[in-house]
Amino acid sequence: MSGRILVVDDAAFMRMMLKDILTKNGYEVCGEGANGKEAVAKYEEYKPDLVTLDITMPEMDGINALKKIKASDPNAKVIMCSAMGQQTMVIDAIQAGAKDFIVKPFQPDRVIEAIKKAIG
């Protein structure tokens, strides 16, 4: 079980929580970003197996970052992270090519299930 994952969220403690869940389950966090612009740049730099992308971020939100990443790599695997009550944005994200979404606060089982489904 392995995979290189890019974790993008504007909240450092959310990135830390996700990194903790992922590394405990044998995944490698190859990089992290704090906004959509960083997500796009670091995707190009690291070519990860998967990106976890927060929906609400400064500079460029997760939906626009997702669209840019998918435009540069149609095979990109992206899982969106959303707070409760962002259903419409989640639908936009799925239509834009997100594989799945996980809801905050993160439940480790659900996180790992989504990642396994996306990259095996």
Protein backbone atom coordinates (compact mmCIF):
# COMPACT_ATOMS: atom_id res chain seq x y z
CA MET A 1 0.00 0.00 0.00
CA SER A 2 1.76 3.13 -1.11
CA GLY A 3 1.13 6.31 -2.95
CA ARG A 4 2.59 9.78 -3.10
CA ILE A 5 0.06 12.34 -1.98
CA LEU A 6 0.00 16.14 -2.18
CA VAL A 7 -2.02 17.67 0.67
CA VAL A 8 -3.50 21.13 0.05
CA ASP A 9 -5.44 23.10 2.67
CA ASP A 10 -5.12 26.68 3.88
CA ALA A 11 -5.30 25.51 7.51
CA ALA A 12 -1.96 24.11 8.68
CA PHE A 13 -3.58 21.97 11.38
CA MET A 14 -5.86 20.34 8.77
CA ARG A 15 -2.80 19.47 6.69
CA MET A 16 -1.16 18.06 9.80
CA MET A 17 -4.19 15.92 10.62
CA LEU A 18 -4.35 14.57 7.08
CA LYS A 19 -0.61 13.91 6.95
CA ASP A 20 -0.90 12.02 10.21
CA ILE A 21 -3.74 9.83 8.92
CA LEU A 22 -1.95 9.18 5.61
CA THR A 23 1.51 8.38 6.96
CA LYS A 24 0.08 6.06 9.63
CA ASN A 25 -1.54 4.12 6.79
CA GLY A 26 1.60 3.80 4.70
CA TYR A 27 1.14 6.66 2.28
CA GLU A 28 3.85 9.20 1.55
CA VAL A 29 3.01 12.89 1.72
CA CYS A 30 5.31 14.26 -0.99
CA GLY A 31 4.32 17.89 -0.57
CA GLU A 32 1.79 20.34 0.77
CA GLY A 33 0.23 23.61 -0.26
CA ALA A 34 -1.85 26.33 1.36
CA ASN A 35 -3.91 27.55 -1.59
CA GLY A 36 -5.04 26.67 -5.10
CA LYS A 37 -2.10 28.36 -6.82
CA GLU A 38 0.33 26.28 -4.76
CA ALA A 39 -1.72 23.17 -5.52
CA VAL A 40 -1.30 23.68 -9.27
CA ALA A 41 2.42 24.52 -9.03
CA LYS A 42 3.21 21.63 -6.70
CA TYR A 43 1.22 19.18 -8.79
CA GLU A 44 3.48 20.08 -11.73
CA GLU A 45 6.57 19.79 -9.52
CA TYR A 46 5.82 16.53 -7.69
CA LYS A 47 3.47 14.67 -10.08
CA PRO A 48 1.80 12.95 -7.08
CA ASP A 49 -0.45 9.88 -7.34
CA LEU A 50 -3.21 11.81 -5.62
CA VAL A 51 -4.08 15.30 -4.38
CA THR A 52 -6.33 16.14 -1.44
CA LEU A 53 -7.72 19.58 -2.15
CA ASP A 54 -9.63 21.83 0.20
CA ILE A 55 -12.56 23.59 -1.49
CA THR A 56 -12.40 26.97 0.27
CA MET A 57 -8.97 28.57 0.03
CA PRO A 58 -7.50 32.03 -0.60
CA GLU A 59 -5.98 33.15 -3.94
CA MET A 60 -7.52 30.28 -5.90
CA ASP A 61 -10.21 27.97 -4.55
CA GLY A 62 -10.15 24.20 -4.79
CA ILE A 63 -12.60 23.99 -7.69
CA ASN A 64 -10.47 26.25 -9.92
CA ALA A 65 -7.29 24.47 -8.85
CA LEU A 66 -8.95 21.13 -9.69
CA LYS A 67 -9.90 22.39 -13.16
CA LYS A 68 -6.34 23.64 -13.82
CA ILE A 69 -4.77 20.39 -12.60
CA LYS A 70 -7.17 18.31 -14.74
CA ALA A 71 -6.46 20.55 -17.74
CA SER A 72 -2.72 19.89 -17.45
CA ASP A 73 -3.16 16.20 -16.58
CA PRO A 74 -6.52 14.62 -17.44
CA ASN A 75 -5.52 11.52 -15.44
CA ALA A 76 -4.92 13.46 -12.22
CA LYS A 77 -6.59 11.90 -9.20
CA VAL A 78 -8.04 14.48 -6.84
CA ILE A 79 -10.11 14.11 -3.68
CA MET A 80 -11.86 17.24 -2.42
CA CYS A 81 -12.08 18.16 1.26
CA SER A 82 -15.12 20.12 2.29
CA ALA A 83 -16.77 21.45 5.38
CA MET A 84 -20.36 20.52 6.11
CA GLY A 85 -22.89 22.35 3.99
CA GLN A 86 -20.81 22.74 0.84
CA GLN A 87 -22.92 20.29 -1.17
CA THR A 88 -23.26 22.48 -4.27
CA MET A 89 -19.50 22.98 -4.43
CA VAL A 90 -18.97 19.25 -3.98
CA ILE A 91 -21.24 18.60 -6.98
CA ASP A 92 -19.24 21.16 -9.02
CA ALA A 93 -16.04 19.40 -8.00
CA ILE A 94 -17.30 15.94 -9.00
CA GLN A 95 -18.45 17.34 -12.36
CA ALA A 96 -15.00 18.93 -12.80
CA GLY A 97 -13.39 15.53 -12.32
CA ALA A 98 -12.81 14.99 -8.60
CA LYS A 99 -12.75 11.30 -7.67
CA ASP A 100 -14.40 11.70 -4.29
CA PHE A 101 -14.75 14.05 -1.37
CA ILE A 102 -14.13 13.82 2.34
CA VAL A 103 -15.87 15.95 4.92
CA LYS A 104 -14.26 17.81 7.80
CA PRO A 105 -13.68 17.00 10.58
CA PHE A 106 -11.77 14.11 9.01
CA GLN A 107 -12.63 10.55 9.96
CA PRO A 108 -9.53 8.43 9.37
CA ASP A 109 -11.51 5.42 8.08
CA ARG A 110 -13.37 7.53 5.55
CA VAL A 111 -10.18 9.27 4.41
CA ILE A 112 -8.39 5.96 3.80
CA GLU A 113 -11.42 4.44 2.11
CA ALA A 114 -11.61 7.37 -0.36
CA ILE A 115 -7.88 7.16 -1.08
CA LYS A 116 -7.91 3.39 -1.59
CA LYS A 117 -10.84 3.80 -3.96
CA ALA A 118 -8.99 6.48 -5.93
CA ILE A 119 -5.48 4.98 -6.17
CA GLY A 120 -5.78 1.45 -4.76
